[in-house]
Protein backbone atom coordinates (compact mmCIF):
# COMPACT_ATOMS: atom_id res chain seq x y z
CA MET A 1 -35.16 -182.65 -36.29
CA LYS A 2 -34.28 -183.21 -39.84
CA LEU A 3 -33.18 -180.35 -41.69
CA MET A 4 -34.65 -179.78 -45.26
CA ALA A 5 -31.77 -179.22 -48.05
CA LYS A 6 -31.12 -175.65 -49.29
CA VAL A 7 -32.60 -174.99 -53.04
CA SER A 8 -32.17 -172.31 -54.80
CA PRO A 9 -35.50 -170.31 -55.87
CA VAL A 10 -34.81 -170.98 -59.73
CA LEU A 11 -34.17 -174.50 -58.86
CA PHE A 12 -37.32 -174.68 -57.27
CA PHE A 13 -39.63 -172.98 -59.61
CA ARG A 14 -38.04 -175.25 -62.54
CA GLN A 15 -38.96 -177.86 -59.95
CA VAL A 16 -42.67 -176.47 -59.69
CA LYS A 17 -43.32 -175.96 -63.46
CA GLN A 18 -42.07 -179.69 -63.92
CA GLU A 19 -44.50 -181.09 -61.08
CA VAL A 20 -47.44 -178.94 -62.38
CA LYS A 21 -47.36 -180.37 -66.13
CA LYS A 22 -47.79 -183.50 -64.46
CA VAL A 23 -51.38 -182.59 -63.35
CA THR A 24 -54.23 -183.96 -64.50
CA TRP A 25 -56.54 -180.70 -64.86
CA PRO A 26 -60.25 -181.57 -65.08
CA THR A 27 -62.45 -180.77 -67.84
CA LYS A 28 -65.16 -177.86 -67.82
CA LYS A 29 -68.08 -180.43 -67.94
CA GLU A 30 -66.27 -182.22 -64.70
CA VAL A 31 -65.60 -178.72 -62.65
CA VAL A 32 -69.53 -177.94 -63.64
CA GLN A 33 -70.74 -181.45 -62.50
CA THR A 34 -68.81 -181.67 -59.13
CA SER A 35 -69.65 -177.92 -58.39
CA VAL A 36 -73.69 -178.74 -58.77
CA MET A 37 -73.20 -181.92 -56.65
CA VAL A 38 -71.69 -179.82 -53.82
CA LEU A 39 -74.42 -177.05 -54.33
CA ILE A 40 -77.30 -179.86 -54.10
CA LEU A 41 -75.53 -181.99 -51.15
CA VAL A 42 -74.84 -178.59 -49.13
CA ALA A 43 -78.62 -177.35 -49.84
CA ILE A 44 -79.47 -180.98 -48.72
CA ALA A 45 -77.08 -181.10 -45.43
CA ALA A 46 -78.91 -177.42 -44.59
CA ALA A 47 -82.29 -178.41 -45.09
CA PHE A 48 -81.44 -181.35 -42.42
CA PHE A 49 -80.07 -179.65 -39.66
CA PHE A 50 -83.04 -177.04 -40.26
CA CYS A 51 -85.04 -179.71 -39.28
CA VAL A 52 -83.52 -181.44 -36.74
CA ASP A 53 -82.90 -177.74 -35.03
CA GLN A 54 -86.92 -176.95 -35.33
CA ILE A 55 -87.46 -180.38 -33.95
CA PHE A 56 -85.29 -180.20 -30.66
CA GLY A 57 -86.39 -175.84 -30.68
CA PHE A 58 -89.84 -177.81 -29.95
CA ILE A 59 -88.66 -180.23 -27.56
CA VAL A 60 -87.18 -177.83 -25.51
CA LYS A 61 -90.06 -175.82 -25.54
CA LEU A 62 -92.13 -178.51 -24.33
CA ILE A 63 -89.94 -179.14 -21.40
CA PHE A 64 -89.07 -175.50 -20.59
CA GLY A 65 -92.39 -174.13 -21.57
């Protein structure tokens, strides 16, 4: 078991602030584009699974009457 070094809260938050400055934040355009893509892919996946569910339901009805 590895023990972690104790860091004072002030030092911890300074380190967090330094790390946050290194982050490359996306532009508004990138956020909108990726959000739209996610919504489109979720809709496609939902439609696909709906169709598969309907097909399986039809097959089960045929088998069990």
